[in-house]
C-alpha cells in the first residue's frame, strides 16, 4: 500500500510511502487556525453566515472530512454531529479532537462535537433532529485552505475524486432538515435532480456556499 496511517510524537499521521507528498496530520491547535477561531462572526465566517442561526443550533456535517468547518461551527457555539465514511480520515479526526481536548480553552468546543464513522446517505440517524445540514464534497486544493496545498493534494490522492452531491442532498431532504448548505468551488456549475437551485449563494475568494431550504410540513 502506498499510504499508511502511523503514530508520531505529534499524533496520528497519514504518510506517503513513496515520499512524494508531505505527511498529513490534523491540528486544531495551530496558531493560524486559532487566529481564525478568535474572529468568529457572521461577517468574518461565511459558513456561520450561511447557517444563519444563533449559537446552539444543531448541525449535521454529512461529509466531515478533516473537521475544520465543524470545529468552526462548534467554536461559535453550535452542536455538531460529524459523519465520515473513510475510516482513516475518521481516525485522524478522532486523534486531532483528542489532542485538542487537552487544551483547556478548546474543551467547550470539543464537547459540542460528536464524530461518527459511517455513510450519511445510507443511515437514518433517526434519534436526533437537526437545524442545518452541511455538505462539502472535496474539490481540488486551492491556495486558500486550512492545510498546505501539498497535504490537501495528498488527501485527495488518498480518497479519490470528490463525492457525488445528489445522494447527500437527497438524504438531507428526506431527513426533513430545514436548511442544507453545499460548499462548491466559486465558479463550479452543476445541476441537482429536478432542477433544484439554491435560494441564495455566499461567494468567497475560492469557494461559495449554496443555501437550500427544505419545506418542512
C-alpha atoms as a PDB file:
ATOM      1  CA  UNK A   1       0.000   0.000   0.000  1.00  0.00           C
ATOM      2  CA  UNK A   2       1.241   3.434  -0.877  1.00  0.00           C
ATOM      3  CA  UNK A   3      -0.358   5.253   2.088  1.00  0.00           C
ATOM      4  CA  UNK A   4      -0.086   4.277   5.732  1.00  0.00           C
ATOM      5  CA  UNK A   5      -1.556   5.569   8.985  1.00  0.00           C
ATOM      6  CA  UNK A   6       1.102   5.728  11.644  1.00  0.00           C
ATOM      7  CA  UNK A   7       1.814   7.251  15.055  1.00  0.00           C
ATOM      8  CA  UNK A   8       4.232  10.090  15.655  1.00  0.00           C
ATOM      9  CA  UNK A   9       5.182  12.300  18.591  1.00  0.00           C
ATOM     10  CA  UNK A  10       2.671  14.845  17.284  1.00  0.00           C
ATOM     11  CA  UNK A  11      -0.183  12.354  16.858  1.00  0.00           C
ATOM     12  CA  UNK A  12      -1.533  10.172  14.061  1.00  0.00           C
ATOM     13  CA  UNK A  13      -0.293  10.967  10.571  1.00  0.00           C
ATOM     14  CA  UNK A  14      -1.017   9.680   7.084  1.00  0.00           C
ATOM     15  CA  UNK A  15       2.230   9.109   5.226  1.00  0.00           C
ATOM     16  CA  UNK A  16       3.062   8.580   1.566  1.00  0.00           C
ATOM     17  CA  UNK A  17       5.470   5.646   1.424  1.00  0.00           C
ATOM     18  CA  UNK A  18       6.666   6.790  -1.984  1.00  0.00           C
ATOM     19  CA  UNK A  19       7.746  10.042  -0.351  1.00  0.00           C
ATOM     20  CA  UNK A  20       6.154  12.272  -2.984  1.00  0.00           C
ATOM     21  CA  UNK A  21       3.757  14.107  -0.676  1.00  0.00           C
ATOM     22  CA  UNK A  22       4.167  15.508   2.854  1.00  0.00           C
ATOM     23  CA  UNK A  23       2.611  13.641   5.808  1.00  0.00           C
ATOM     24  CA  UNK A  24      -0.921  14.642   6.681  1.00  0.00           C
ATOM     25  CA  UNK A  25      -1.760  15.497  10.286  1.00  0.00           C
ATOM     26  CA  UNK A  26      -4.821  17.372  11.536  1.00  0.00           C
ATOM     27  CA  UNK A  27      -4.158  20.089  14.097  1.00  0.00           C
ATOM     28  CA  UNK A  28      -6.927  22.231  15.567  1.00  0.00           C
ATOM     29  CA  UNK A  29      -4.454  23.976  17.873  1.00  0.00           C
ATOM     30  CA  UNK A  30      -2.268  25.635  15.249  1.00  0.00           C
ATOM     31  CA  UNK A  31      -1.570  29.349  15.527  1.00  0.00           C
ATOM     32  CA  UNK A  32      -3.221  30.208  12.201  1.00  0.00           C
ATOM     33  CA  UNK A  33      -6.382  28.230  12.970  1.00  0.00           C
ATOM     34  CA  UNK A  34      -6.627  29.729  16.462  1.00  0.00           C
ATOM     35  CA  UNK A  35      -6.418  33.210  14.976  1.00  0.00           C
ATOM     36  CA  UNK A  36      -9.290  32.326  12.672  1.00  0.00           C
ATOM     37  CA  UNK A  37     -11.358  30.976  15.560  1.00  0.00           C
ATOM     38  CA  UNK A  38     -10.931  34.159  17.538  1.00  0.00           C
ATOM     39  CA  UNK A  39     -12.769  36.173  14.867  1.00  0.00           C
ATOM     40  CA  UNK A  40     -15.920  34.085  14.618  1.00  0.00           C
ATOM     41  CA  UNK A  41     -18.732  36.310  13.474  1.00  0.00           C
ATOM     42  CA  UNK A  42     -21.126  36.036  10.527  1.00  0.00           C
ATOM     43  CA  UNK A  43     -19.192  38.929   8.999  1.00  0.00           C
ATOM     44  CA  UNK A  44     -15.866  37.080   9.101  1.00  0.00           C
ATOM     45  CA  UNK A  45     -17.062  33.496   8.502  1.00  0.00           C
ATOM     46  CA  UNK A  46     -19.305  32.750   5.548  1.00  0.00           C
ATOM     47  CA  UNK A  47     -20.177  29.342   6.958  1.00  0.00           C
ATOM     48  CA  UNK A  48     -21.589  30.900  10.125  1.00  0.00           C
ATOM     49  CA  UNK A  49     -23.496  33.387   7.989  1.00  0.00           C
ATOM     50  CA  UNK A  50     -24.838  30.550   5.815  1.00  0.00           C
ATOM     51  CA  UNK A  51     -26.021  28.586   8.862  1.00  0.00           C
ATOM     52  CA  UNK A  52     -27.850  31.758   9.950  1.00  0.00           C
ATOM     53  CA  UNK A  53     -28.623  30.542  13.470  1.00  0.00           C
ATOM     54  CA  UNK A  54     -27.828  31.807  16.937  1.00  0.00           C
ATOM     55  CA  UNK A  55     -25.297  29.706  18.890  1.00  0.00           C
ATOM     56  CA  UNK A  56     -26.838  26.426  19.981  1.00  0.00           C
ATOM     57  CA  UNK A  57     -28.221  25.196  16.653  1.00  0.00           C
ATOM     58  CA  UNK A  58     -27.845  21.516  15.778  1.00  0.00           C
ATOM     59  CA  UNK A  59     -25.794  20.888  12.640  1.00  0.00           C
ATOM     60  CA  UNK A  60     -25.290  17.626  10.742  1.00  0.00           C
ATOM     61  CA  UNK A  61     -21.958  17.628   8.904  1.00  0.00           C
ATOM     62  CA  UNK A  62     -22.636  14.910   6.341  1.00  0.00           C
ATOM     63  CA  UNK A  63     -19.105  14.888   4.897  1.00  0.00           C
ATOM     64  CA  UNK A  64     -16.905  15.626   7.896  1.00  0.00           C
ATOM     65  CA  UNK A  65     -13.580  15.365   6.084  1.00  0.00           C
ATOM     66  CA  UNK A  66     -10.821  16.914   8.189  1.00  0.00           C
ATOM     67  CA  UNK A  67     -13.315  18.577  10.512  1.00  0.00           C
ATOM     68  CA  UNK A  68     -12.207  22.197  10.246  1.00  0.00           C
ATOM     69  CA  UNK A  69     -15.641  23.518   9.260  1.00  0.00           C
ATOM     70  CA  UNK A  70     -17.245  21.528  12.073  1.00  0.00           C
ATOM     71  CA  UNK A  71     -14.689  22.913  14.524  1.00  0.00           C
ATOM     72  CA  UNK A  72     -15.510  26.450  13.425  1.00  0.00           C
ATOM     73  CA  UNK A  73     -19.233  25.839  13.952  1.00  0.00           C
ATOM     74  CA  UNK A  74     -18.664  24.268  17.359  1.00  0.00           C
ATOM     75  CA  UNK A  75     -16.359  27.143  18.350  1.00  0.00           C
ATOM     76  CA  UNK A  76     -19.204  29.525  17.547  1.00  0.00           C
ATOM     77  CA  UNK A  77     -21.477  27.557  19.871  1.00  0.00           C
ATOM     78  CA  UNK A  78     -23.346  25.129  17.623  1.00  0.00           C
ATOM     79  CA  UNK A  79     -23.815  21.438  18.390  1.00  0.00           C
ATOM     80  CA  UNK A  80     -22.263  19.470  15.526  1.00  0.00           C
ATOM     81  CA  UNK A  81     -22.591  15.814  14.565  1.00  0.00           C
ATOM     82  CA  UNK A  82     -19.882  14.855  12.083  1.00  0.00           C
ATOM     83  CA  UNK A  83     -20.185  11.772   9.888  1.00  0.00           C
ATOM     84  CA  UNK A  84     -17.159  10.483   7.985  1.00  0.00           C
ATOM     85  CA  UNK A  85     -17.149   7.336   5.855  1.00  0.00           C
ATOM     86  CA  UNK A  86     -13.370   6.945   5.454  1.00  0.00           C
ATOM     87  CA  UNK A  87     -12.047   5.069   8.494  1.00  0.00           C
ATOM     88  CA  UNK A  88      -8.568   6.532   8.018  1.00  0.00           C
ATOM     89  CA  UNK A  89      -9.862  10.115   7.969  1.00  0.00           C
ATOM     90  CA  UNK A  90     -12.176   9.295  10.875  1.00  0.00           C
ATOM     91  CA  UNK A  91      -9.190   8.125  12.936  1.00  0.00           C
ATOM     92  CA  UNK A  92      -7.162  11.222  12.012  1.00  0.00           C
ATOM     93  CA  UNK A  93     -10.013  13.493  13.126  1.00  0.00           C
ATOM     94  CA  UNK A  94     -10.627  11.467  16.288  1.00  0.00           C
ATOM     95  CA  UNK A  95      -6.964  11.801  17.232  1.00  0.00           C
ATOM     96  CA  UNK A  96      -6.982  15.545  16.482  1.00  0.00           C
ATOM     97  CA  UNK A  97     -10.067  16.053  18.675  1.00  0.00           C
ATOM     98  CA  UNK A  98      -8.414  14.108  21.490  1.00  0.00           C
ATOM     99  CA  UNK A  99      -5.359  16.356  21.307  1.00  0.00           C
ATOM    100  CA  UNK A 100      -7.495  19.486  21.122  1.00  0.00           C
ATOM    101  CA  UNK A 101      -9.363  18.424  24.273  1.00  0.00           C
ATOM    102  CA  UNK A 102      -6.059  18.651  26.161  1.00  0.00           C
ATOM    103  CA  UNK A 103      -6.094  22.419  25.619  1.00  0.00           C
ATOM    104  CA  UNK A 104      -8.288  23.965  28.311  1.00  0.00           C
ATOM    105  CA  UNK A 105      -9.509  26.751  26.039  1.00  0.00           C
ATOM    106  CA  UNK A 106     -10.787  24.206  23.489  1.00  0.00           C
ATOM    107  CA  UNK A 107     -12.584  21.814  25.858  1.00  0.00           C
ATOM    108  CA  UNK A 108     -16.009  23.519  25.452  1.00  0.00           C
ATOM    109  CA  UNK A 109     -15.671  23.396  21.664  1.00  0.00           C
ATOM    110  CA  UNK A 110     -14.734  19.707  21.560  1.00  0.00           C
ATOM    111  CA  UNK A 111     -17.601  18.897  23.926  1.00  0.00           C
ATOM    112  CA  UNK A 112     -20.044  20.238  21.319  1.00  0.00           C
ATOM    113  CA  UNK A 113     -18.708  17.872  18.624  1.00  0.00           C
ATOM    114  CA  UNK A 114     -19.705  14.258  18.016  1.00  0.00           C
ATOM    115  CA  UNK A 115     -17.784  12.210  15.444  1.00  0.00           C
ATOM    116  CA  UNK A 116     -19.352   9.125  13.841  1.00  0.00           C
ATOM    117  CA  UNK A 117     -17.992   6.626  11.343  1.00  0.00           C
ATOM    118  CA  UNK A 118     -20.489   5.811   8.607  1.00  0.00           C
ATOM    119  CA  UNK A 119     -22.245   6.851   5.415  1.00  0.00           C
ATOM    120  CA  UNK A 120     -24.661   9.725   5.971  1.00  0.00           C
ATOM    121  CA  UNK A 121     -26.507   8.892   2.740  1.00  0.00           C
ATOM    122  CA  UNK A 122     -27.461   5.414   3.907  1.00  0.00           C
ATOM    123  CA  UNK A 123     -28.071   5.622   7.635  1.00  0.00           C
ATOM    124  CA  UNK A 124     -31.195   7.232   9.039  1.00  0.00           C
ATOM    125  CA  UNK A 125     -29.756   8.930  12.141  1.00  0.00           C
ATOM    126  CA  UNK A 126     -33.335   8.941  13.386  1.00  0.00           C
ATOM    127  CA  UNK A 127     -32.714   9.786  17.014  1.00  0.00           C
ATOM    128  CA  UNK A 128     -31.860  13.445  16.520  1.00  0.00           C
ATOM    129  CA  UNK A 129     -33.349  16.426  14.718  1.00  0.00           C
ATOM    130  CA  UNK A 130     -31.092  18.929  13.001  1.00  0.00           C
ATOM    131  CA  UNK A 131     -31.498  22.575  12.034  1.00  0.00           C
ATOM    132  CA  UNK A 132     -28.883  22.542   9.273  1.00  0.00           C
ATOM    133  CA  UNK A 133     -27.095  20.001   7.064  1.00  0.00           C
ATOM    134  CA  UNK A 134     -23.630  20.779   5.674  1.00  0.00           C
ATOM    135  CA  UNK A 135     -22.288  19.020   2.565  1.00  0.00           C
ATOM    136  CA  UNK A 136     -18.703  19.564   1.442  1.00  0.00           C
ATOM    137  CA  UNK A 137     -17.727  17.186  -1.375  1.00  0.00           C
ATOM    138  CA  UNK A 138     -13.982  17.586  -1.701  1.00  0.00           C
ATOM    139  CA  UNK A 139     -12.759  19.577  -4.685  1.00  0.00           C
ATOM    140  CA  UNK A 140      -9.308  20.486  -5.998  1.00  0.00           C
ATOM    141  CA  UNK A 141      -6.998  22.133  -3.464  1.00  0.00           C
ATOM    142  CA  UNK A 142      -6.574  25.886  -3.767  1.00  0.00           C
ATOM    143  CA  UNK A 143      -4.101  28.223  -2.158  1.00  0.00           C
ATOM    144  CA  UNK A 144      -6.709  29.247   0.436  1.00  0.00           C
ATOM    145  CA  UNK A 145      -7.005  26.171   2.676  1.00  0.00           C
ATOM    146  CA  UNK A 146      -6.807  25.038   6.298  1.00  0.00           C
ATOM    147  CA  UNK A 147      -3.888  22.825   5.251  1.00  0.00           C
ATOM    148  CA  UNK A 148      -0.864  23.308   2.992  1.00  0.00           C
ATOM    149  CA  UNK A 149      -1.771  22.632  -0.637  1.00  0.00           C
ATOM    150  CA  UNK A 150       0.586  19.622  -0.732  1.00  0.00           C
ATOM    151  CA  UNK A 151      -1.237  18.000   2.187  1.00  0.00           C
ATOM    152  CA  UNK A 152      -4.610  18.618   0.594  1.00  0.00           C
ATOM    153  CA  UNK A 153      -3.362  17.072  -2.639  1.00  0.00           C
ATOM    154  CA  UNK A 154      -2.223  14.040  -0.682  1.00  0.00           C
ATOM    155  CA  UNK A 155      -5.640  13.685   0.933  1.00  0.00           C
ATOM    156  CA  UNK A 156      -7.308  13.928  -2.462  1.00  0.00           C
ATOM    157  CA  UNK A 157      -4.935  11.332  -3.890  1.00  0.00           C
ATOM    158  CA  UNK A 158      -5.748   9.016  -0.984  1.00  0.00           C
ATOM    159  CA  UNK A 159      -9.530   9.463  -1.102  1.00  0.00           C
ATOM    160  CA  UNK A 160     -10.012   9.919  -4.834  1.00  0.00           C
ATOM    161  CA  UNK A 161     -12.324  12.394  -6.532  1.00  0.00           C
ATOM    162  CA  UNK A 162     -14.961  14.359  -4.672  1.00  0.00           C
ATOM    163  CA  UNK A 163     -18.185  12.698  -3.622  1.00  0.00           C
ATOM    164  CA  UNK A 164     -21.325  12.944  -5.728  1.00  0.00           C
ATOM    165  CA  UNK A 165     -23.619  15.657  -4.398  1.00  0.00           C
ATOM    166  CA  UNK A 166     -27.043  14.216  -5.131  1.00  0.00           C
ATOM    167  CA  UNK A 167     -27.141  11.344  -2.582  1.00  0.00           C
ATOM    168  CA  UNK A 168     -26.194  13.666   0.279  1.00  0.00           C
ATOM    169  CA  UNK A 169     -28.669  16.319  -0.804  1.00  0.00           C
ATOM    170  CA  UNK A 170     -31.458  13.761  -1.124  1.00  0.00           C
ATOM    171  CA  UNK A 171     -30.663  12.287   2.292  1.00  0.00           C
ATOM    172  CA  UNK A 172     -30.806  15.716   3.938  1.00  0.00           C
ATOM    173  CA  UNK A 173     -34.162  16.450   2.288  1.00  0.00           C
ATOM    174  CA  UNK A 174     -35.576  13.063   3.255  1.00  0.00           C
ATOM    175  CA  UNK A 175     -34.385  13.663   6.813  1.00  0.00           C
ATOM    176  CA  UNK A 176     -36.511  16.833   6.923  1.00  0.00           C
ATOM    177  CA  UNK A 177     -33.607  19.150   7.733  1.00  0.00           C
ATOM    178  CA  UNK A 178     -34.853  22.718   7.109  1.00  0.00           C
ATOM    179  CA  UNK A 179     -31.634  24.156   5.649  1.00  0.00           C
ATOM    180  CA  UNK A 180     -28.926  22.490   3.554  1.00  0.00           C
ATOM    181  CA  UNK A 181     -25.574  24.093   2.729  1.00  0.00           C
ATOM    182  CA  UNK A 182     -23.379  22.863  -0.114  1.00  0.00           C
ATOM    183  CA  UNK A 183     -19.765  24.004  -0.466  1.00  0.00           C
ATOM    184  CA  UNK A 184     -18.561  24.371  -4.038  1.00  0.00           C
ATOM    185  CA  UNK A 185     -15.688  25.994  -5.953  1.00  0.00           C
ATOM    186  CA  UNK A 186     -16.581  29.594  -6.661  1.00  0.00           C
ATOM    187  CA  UNK A 187     -17.191  29.117 -10.394  1.00  0.00           C
ATOM    188  CA  UNK A 188     -18.406  25.498 -10.379  1.00  0.00           C
ATOM    189  CA  UNK A 189     -21.546  24.651 -12.313  1.00  0.00           C
ATOM    190  CA  UNK A 190     -23.733  21.667 -11.543  1.00  0.00           C
ATOM    191  CA  UNK A 191     -27.333  20.566 -11.620  1.00  0.00           C
ATOM    192  CA  UNK A 192     -29.229  18.705  -8.964  1.00  0.00           C
ATOM    193  CA  UNK A 193     -32.071  16.384  -9.916  1.00  0.00           C
ATOM    194  CA  UNK A 194     -35.330  18.162 -10.620  1.00  0.00           C
ATOM    195  CA  UNK A 195     -33.568  21.431 -11.371  1.00  0.00           C
ATOM    196  CA  UNK A 196     -33.046  22.273  -7.710  1.00  0.00           C
ATOM    197  CA  UNK A 197     -31.385  25.649  -7.360  1.00  0.00           C
ATOM    198  CA  UNK A 198     -30.067  27.365  -4.219  1.00  0.00           C
ATOM    199  CA  UNK A 199     -32.194  30.074  -2.664  1.00  0.00           C
ATOM    200  CA  UNK A 200     -29.047  32.171  -2.471  1.00  0.00           C
ATOM    201  CA  UNK A 201     -25.262  31.894  -2.559  1.00  0.00           C
ATOM    202  CA  UNK A 202     -22.482  33.316  -0.413  1.00  0.00           C
ATOM    203  CA  UNK A 203     -19.388  33.921  -2.521  1.00  0.00           C
ATOM    204  CA  UNK A 204     -15.809  33.734  -1.232  1.00  0.00           C
ATOM    205  CA  UNK A 205     -12.480  34.073  -2.984  1.00  0.00           C
ATOM    206  CA  UNK A 206     -12.091  30.403  -3.861  1.00  0.00           C
ATOM    207  CA  UNK A 207     -15.408  28.791  -2.928  1.00  0.00           C
ATOM    208  CA  UNK A 208     -19.040  29.525  -2.281  1.00  0.00           C
ATOM    209  CA  UNK A 209     -21.827  28.255  -0.047  1.00  0.00           C
ATOM    210  CA  UNK A 210     -25.088  27.362  -1.795  1.00  0.00           C
ATOM    211  CA  UNK A 211     -28.058  27.599   0.545  1.00  0.00           C
ATOM    212  CA  UNK A 212     -31.162  25.439   0.055  1.00  0.00           C
ATOM    213  CA  UNK A 213     -34.394  25.448   2.057  1.00  0.00           C
ATOM    214  CA  UNK A 214     -36.466  22.358   2.712  1.00  0.00           C
ATOM    215  CA  UNK A 215     -40.163  22.999   3.170  1.00  0.00           C
ATOM    216  CA  UNK A 216     -40.947  21.012   6.313  1.00  0.00           C
ATOM    217  CA  UNK A 217     -44.625  20.304   6.861  1.00  0.00           C
END
